[in-house]
Amino acid sequence: MVAKKPQSKRIKAAHRYKIIKRVKEHHRKEKKLAKKNPKSNRTKKDPGIPNSWPFKEELLNEIEQAKQEAEAEKQKIKLARQEEKAKLKLKQQKEKEKVKQHHLRQAKKKAAE
């Protein structure tokens, strides 16, 4: 059997313009709906702690301390990761050096023969 030829991508201009018109209309409707409901995509701001809150200073201090602890933990993890990376790099360099030495020995043996 003879293989079928692929269908042409050509379409009538009227059909192409009709598609463009529908897409444009769809986008217009989407924008209109988004304008009608602006709160759906906005995030509310954190109002913070009111001044009349009892023990406000203590609460602020606790929050600050928690932030500092989180930052310290982050730094600790970062340092550990850097050390691990340095060890791995050193190990790879040693492996490369071993391979070079091996190749040199092989070359010397062949030259001696």
N, C-alpha and C. Protein backbone atom coordinates (compact mmCIF):
# COMPACT_ATOMS: atom_id res chain seq x y z
N MET A 1 0.82 -1.20 0.00
CA MET A 1 0.00 0.00 0.00
C MET A 1 0.86 1.26 0.00
N VAL A 2 0.36 2.26 -0.63
CA VAL A 2 1.07 3.53 -0.69
C VAL A 2 0.69 4.35 0.54
N ALA A 3 1.69 4.96 1.16
CA ALA A 3 1.43 5.76 2.35
C ALA A 3 0.66 7.02 1.98
N LYS A 4 -0.25 7.42 2.89
CA LYS A 4 -1.03 8.62 2.64
C LYS A 4 -0.15 9.85 2.80
N LYS A 5 -0.43 10.86 2.02
CA LYS A 5 0.29 12.12 2.15
C LYS A 5 -0.28 12.86 3.35
N PRO A 6 0.57 13.59 4.09
CA PRO A 6 0.05 14.33 5.24
C PRO A 6 -0.88 15.45 4.80
N GLN A 7 -1.86 15.71 5.64
CA GLN A 7 -2.83 16.73 5.30
C GLN A 7 -2.18 18.11 5.36
N SER A 8 -2.55 18.96 4.45
CA SER A 8 -1.98 20.30 4.37
C SER A 8 -2.40 21.14 5.58
N LYS A 9 -1.55 22.08 5.97
CA LYS A 9 -1.84 22.95 7.11
C LYS A 9 -2.64 24.18 6.67
N ARG A 10 -2.85 24.29 5.39
CA ARG A 10 -3.56 25.47 4.88
C ARG A 10 -5.02 25.46 5.32
N ILE A 11 -5.49 26.64 5.71
CA ILE A 11 -6.91 26.79 6.05
C ILE A 11 -7.42 28.05 5.37
N LYS A 12 -8.71 28.14 5.24
CA LYS A 12 -9.29 29.32 4.61
C LYS A 12 -9.06 30.53 5.51
N ALA A 13 -8.88 31.66 4.90
CA ALA A 13 -8.62 32.90 5.64
C ALA A 13 -9.79 33.21 6.57
N ALA A 14 -11.00 32.98 6.11
CA ALA A 14 -12.18 33.27 6.92
C ALA A 14 -12.15 32.45 8.20
N HIS A 15 -11.75 31.19 8.09
CA HIS A 15 -11.69 30.31 9.26
C HIS A 15 -10.59 30.79 10.23
N ARG A 16 -9.45 31.19 9.67
CA ARG A 16 -8.35 31.67 10.49
C ARG A 16 -8.75 32.93 11.26
N TYR A 17 -9.42 33.86 10.57
CA TYR A 17 -9.85 35.09 11.23
C TYR A 17 -10.91 34.81 12.28
N LYS A 18 -11.75 33.83 12.02
CA LYS A 18 -12.79 33.45 12.98
C LYS A 18 -12.15 32.94 14.28
N ILE A 19 -11.09 32.14 14.14
CA ILE A 19 -10.38 31.61 15.31
C ILE A 19 -9.75 32.75 16.09
N ILE A 20 -9.10 33.67 15.38
CA ILE A 20 -8.46 34.82 16.04
C ILE A 20 -9.50 35.63 16.80
N LYS A 21 -10.66 35.82 16.18
CA LYS A 21 -11.74 36.59 16.80
C LYS A 21 -12.21 35.92 18.09
N ARG A 22 -12.38 34.60 18.05
CA ARG A 22 -12.84 33.86 19.23
C ARG A 22 -11.82 33.94 20.36
N VAL A 23 -10.55 33.81 20.02
CA VAL A 23 -9.49 33.87 21.04
C VAL A 23 -9.47 35.25 21.68
N LYS A 24 -9.58 36.29 20.83
CA LYS A 24 -9.58 37.66 21.33
C LYS A 24 -10.75 37.89 22.29
N GLU A 25 -11.91 37.38 21.90
CA GLU A 25 -13.11 37.53 22.73
C GLU A 25 -12.93 36.80 24.06
N HIS A 26 -12.36 35.62 24.01
CA HIS A 26 -12.12 34.84 25.23
C HIS A 26 -11.19 35.59 26.18
N HIS A 27 -10.10 36.13 25.63
CA HIS A 27 -9.17 36.89 26.47
C HIS A 27 -9.84 38.12 27.08
N ARG A 28 -10.69 38.77 26.29
CA ARG A 28 -11.39 39.95 26.79
C ARG A 28 -12.30 39.57 27.96
N LYS A 29 -13.01 38.45 27.83
CA LYS A 29 -13.89 38.00 28.91
C LYS A 29 -13.09 37.67 30.17
N GLU A 30 -11.94 37.02 29.99
CA GLU A 30 -11.10 36.67 31.14
C GLU A 30 -10.65 37.93 31.88
N LYS A 31 -10.22 38.95 31.13
CA LYS A 31 -9.77 40.20 31.74
C LYS A 31 -10.92 40.86 32.50
N LYS A 32 -12.10 40.84 31.89
CA LYS A 32 -13.27 41.45 32.50
C LYS A 32 -13.60 40.78 33.83
N LEU A 33 -13.57 39.45 33.86
CA LEU A 33 -13.85 38.71 35.09
C LEU A 33 -12.79 39.00 36.15
N ALA A 34 -11.54 39.13 35.72
CA ALA A 34 -10.47 39.41 36.67
C ALA A 34 -10.65 40.80 37.28
N LYS A 35 -11.12 41.76 36.48
CA LYS A 35 -11.34 43.11 37.00
C LYS A 35 -12.50 43.13 37.99
N LYS A 36 -13.52 42.32 37.73
CA LYS A 36 -14.68 42.29 38.62
C LYS A 36 -14.33 41.72 39.98
N ASN A 37 -13.38 40.79 40.03
CA ASN A 37 -13.03 40.14 41.29
C ASN A 37 -11.53 40.32 41.59
N PRO A 38 -11.13 41.54 41.97
CA PRO A 38 -9.70 41.79 42.17
C PRO A 38 -9.15 41.15 43.45
N LYS A 39 -10.01 40.85 44.41
CA LYS A 39 -9.53 40.31 45.68
C LYS A 39 -9.11 38.85 45.58
N SER A 40 -9.52 38.19 44.52
CA SER A 40 -9.19 36.78 44.40
C SER A 40 -7.70 36.55 44.18
N ASN A 41 -7.01 37.53 43.59
CA ASN A 41 -5.60 37.33 43.32
C ASN A 41 -4.68 38.18 44.20
N ARG A 42 -5.22 38.90 45.15
CA ARG A 42 -4.40 39.69 46.06
C ARG A 42 -4.20 38.93 47.36
N THR A 43 -2.99 39.03 47.91
CA THR A 43 -2.74 38.42 49.21
C THR A 43 -2.88 39.49 50.28
N LYS A 44 -3.45 39.10 51.39
CA LYS A 44 -3.65 40.06 52.47
C LYS A 44 -2.35 40.29 53.21
N LYS A 45 -2.16 41.53 53.65
CA LYS A 45 -0.96 41.86 54.41
C LYS A 45 -1.13 41.39 55.84
N ASP A 46 0.00 41.07 56.46
CA ASP A 46 -0.01 40.69 57.87
C ASP A 46 -0.20 41.96 58.69
N PRO A 47 -1.26 42.03 59.51
CA PRO A 47 -1.51 43.26 60.25
C PRO A 47 -0.50 43.50 61.37
N GLY A 48 0.27 42.49 61.72
CA GLY A 48 1.26 42.66 62.78
C GLY A 48 0.63 42.50 64.15
N ILE A 49 1.32 43.00 65.16
CA ILE A 49 0.85 42.88 66.53
C ILE A 49 0.34 44.25 66.98
N PRO A 50 -0.90 44.32 67.47
CA PRO A 50 -1.42 45.62 67.91
C PRO A 50 -0.66 46.14 69.13
N ASN A 51 -0.61 47.47 69.28
CA ASN A 51 0.11 48.08 70.40
C ASN A 51 -0.54 47.75 71.74
N SER A 52 -1.84 47.49 71.73
CA SER A 52 -2.54 47.20 72.98
C SER A 52 -2.35 45.75 73.43
N TRP A 53 -1.66 44.96 72.66
CA TRP A 53 -1.45 43.55 72.97
C TRP A 53 -0.59 43.43 74.23
N PRO A 54 -1.04 42.63 75.21
CA PRO A 54 -0.20 42.47 76.41
C PRO A 54 1.06 41.67 76.08
N PHE A 55 2.16 42.06 76.67
CA PHE A 55 3.46 41.40 76.47
C PHE A 55 3.90 41.44 75.00
N LYS A 56 3.62 42.56 74.35
CA LYS A 56 3.98 42.70 72.94
C LYS A 56 5.49 42.60 72.74
N GLU A 57 6.24 43.25 73.62
CA GLU A 57 7.71 43.24 73.50
C GLU A 57 8.25 41.81 73.59
N GLU A 58 7.72 41.03 74.54
CA GLU A 58 8.18 39.65 74.69
C GLU A 58 7.90 38.84 73.42
N LEU A 59 6.73 39.04 72.88
CA LEU A 59 6.36 38.33 71.66
C LEU A 59 7.28 38.72 70.50
N LEU A 60 7.56 40.02 70.38
CA LEU A 60 8.47 40.48 69.33
C LEU A 60 9.87 39.89 69.51
N ASN A 61 10.31 39.84 70.77
CA ASN A 61 11.63 39.25 71.06
C ASN A 61 11.67 37.77 70.68
N GLU A 62 10.60 37.05 70.99
CA GLU A 62 10.53 35.63 70.64
C GLU A 62 10.59 35.43 69.12
N ILE A 63 9.86 36.28 68.42
CA ILE A 63 9.85 36.18 66.95
C ILE A 63 11.25 36.46 66.40
N GLU A 64 11.90 37.50 66.93
CA GLU A 64 13.26 37.85 66.48
C GLU A 64 14.24 36.72 66.77
N GLN A 65 14.09 36.13 67.96
CA GLN A 65 14.98 35.03 68.34
C GLN A 65 14.76 33.82 67.42
N ALA A 66 13.52 33.54 67.09
CA ALA A 66 13.22 32.42 66.19
C ALA A 66 13.83 32.68 64.81
N LYS A 67 13.77 33.93 64.34
CA LYS A 67 14.37 34.28 63.05
C LYS A 67 15.88 34.06 63.09
N GLN A 68 16.50 34.49 64.19
CA GLN A 68 17.95 34.34 64.31
C GLN A 68 18.35 32.87 64.35
N GLU A 69 17.58 32.06 65.08
CA GLU A 69 17.87 30.62 65.14
C GLU A 69 17.73 29.98 63.76
N ALA A 70 16.70 30.38 63.03
CA ALA A 70 16.49 29.83 61.69
C ALA A 70 17.66 30.23 60.78
N GLU A 71 18.11 31.47 60.90
CA GLU A 71 19.24 31.93 60.09
C GLU A 71 20.51 31.18 60.45
N ALA A 72 20.72 30.94 61.76
CA ALA A 72 21.90 30.20 62.20
C ALA A 72 21.87 28.77 61.66
N GLU A 73 20.70 28.16 61.71
CA GLU A 73 20.55 26.79 61.19
C GLU A 73 20.84 26.75 59.69
N LYS A 74 20.35 27.77 59.00
CA LYS A 74 20.58 27.87 57.56
C LYS A 74 22.08 27.98 57.26
N GLN A 75 22.77 28.81 58.03
CA GLN A 75 24.22 28.98 57.85
C GLN A 75 24.95 27.67 58.13
N LYS A 76 24.51 26.97 59.17
CA LYS A 76 25.13 25.71 59.54
C LYS A 76 25.00 24.69 58.40
N ILE A 77 23.83 24.61 57.84
CA ILE A 77 23.58 23.69 56.72
C ILE A 77 24.43 24.09 55.52
N LYS A 78 24.52 25.40 55.27
CA LYS A 78 25.30 25.89 54.14
C LYS A 78 26.77 25.53 54.31
N LEU A 79 27.31 25.71 55.51
CA LEU A 79 28.71 25.37 55.77
C LEU A 79 28.95 23.87 55.59
N ALA A 80 28.03 23.07 56.10
CA ALA A 80 28.17 21.62 55.97
C ALA A 80 28.17 21.21 54.49
N ARG A 81 27.30 21.84 53.72
CA ARG A 81 27.22 21.54 52.30
C ARG A 81 28.51 21.95 51.58
N GLN A 82 29.05 23.11 51.96
CA GLN A 82 30.30 23.58 51.35
C GLN A 82 31.45 22.64 51.68
N GLU A 83 31.51 22.19 52.93
CA GLU A 83 32.57 21.27 53.34
C GLU A 83 32.47 19.96 52.56
N GLU A 84 31.25 19.47 52.44
CA GLU A 84 31.03 18.22 51.70
C GLU A 84 31.46 18.38 50.25
N LYS A 85 31.14 19.53 49.68
CA LYS A 85 31.50 19.79 48.29
C LYS A 85 33.02 19.85 48.14
N ALA A 86 33.69 20.49 49.11
CA ALA A 86 35.15 20.59 49.07
C ALA A 86 35.79 19.20 49.17
N LYS A 87 35.25 18.36 50.06
CA LYS A 87 35.77 16.99 50.21
C LYS A 87 35.61 16.21 48.90
N LEU A 88 34.45 16.35 48.30
CA LEU A 88 34.18 15.64 47.05
C LEU A 88 35.13 16.11 45.94
N LYS A 89 35.36 17.41 45.89
CA LYS A 89 36.26 17.96 44.87
C LYS A 89 37.67 17.44 45.08
N LEU A 90 38.12 17.41 46.34
CA LEU A 90 39.45 16.91 46.65
C LEU A 90 39.57 15.44 46.26
N LYS A 91 38.53 14.67 46.56
CA LYS A 91 38.52 13.25 46.21
C LYS A 91 38.62 13.06 44.70
N GLN A 92 37.88 13.87 43.95
CA GLN A 92 37.92 13.77 42.49
C GLN A 92 39.29 14.15 41.95
N GLN A 93 39.93 15.14 42.56
CA GLN A 93 41.27 15.54 42.13
C GLN A 93 42.26 14.40 42.37
N LYS A 94 42.14 13.75 43.52
CA LYS A 94 43.02 12.62 43.82
C LYS A 94 42.82 11.50 42.80
N GLU A 95 41.56 11.23 42.46
CA GLU A 95 41.27 10.20 41.46
C GLU A 95 41.90 10.55 40.12
N LYS A 96 41.78 11.81 39.72
CA LYS A 96 42.37 12.24 38.46
C LYS A 96 43.88 12.06 38.48
N GLU A 97 44.48 12.40 39.62
CA GLU A 97 45.93 12.27 39.76
C GLU A 97 46.35 10.80 39.66
N LYS A 98 45.57 9.92 40.29
CA LYS A 98 45.86 8.49 40.21
C LYS A 98 45.79 8.00 38.77
N VAL A 99 44.77 8.44 38.05
CA VAL A 99 44.60 8.03 36.66
C VAL A 99 45.78 8.53 35.82
N LYS A 100 46.20 9.77 36.06
CA LYS A 100 47.34 10.32 35.33
C LYS A 100 48.60 9.49 35.60
N GLN A 101 48.82 9.18 36.88
CA GLN A 101 50.00 8.39 37.24
C GLN A 101 49.95 7.02 36.55
N HIS A 102 48.77 6.42 36.54
CA HIS A 102 48.60 5.11 35.91
C HIS A 102 48.94 5.20 34.42
N HIS A 103 48.44 6.22 33.76
CA HIS A 103 48.70 6.40 32.33
C HIS A 103 50.19 6.63 32.08
N LEU A 104 50.83 7.39 32.95
CA LEU A 104 52.27 7.63 32.80
C LEU A 104 53.05 6.33 32.93
N ARG A 105 52.68 5.51 33.92
CA ARG A 105 53.35 4.22 34.10
C ARG A 105 53.17 3.33 32.87
N GLN A 106 51.94 3.32 32.35
CA GLN A 106 51.65 2.52 31.16
C GLN A 106 52.50 3.00 29.97
N ALA A 107 52.62 4.31 29.83
CA ALA A 107 53.39 4.87 28.72
C ALA A 107 54.87 4.51 28.87
N LYS A 108 55.37 4.56 30.10
CA LYS A 108 56.78 4.22 30.35
C LYS A 108 57.05 2.75 30.02
N LYS A 109 56.10 1.88 30.40
CA LYS A 109 56.26 0.45 30.11
C LYS A 109 56.31 0.21 28.61
N LYS A 110 55.42 0.87 27.88
CA LYS A 110 55.40 0.70 26.42
C LYS A 110 56.67 1.25 25.78
N ALA A 111 57.17 2.35 26.33
CA ALA A 111 58.39 2.95 25.79
C ALA A 111 59.60 2.06 26.07
N ALA A 112 59.58 1.39 27.22
CA ALA A 112 60.70 0.52 27.59
C ALA A 112 60.73 -0.73 26.71
N GLU A 113 59.61 -1.16 26.22
CA GLU A 113 59.54 -2.38 25.41
C GLU A 113 59.99 -2.19 24.03
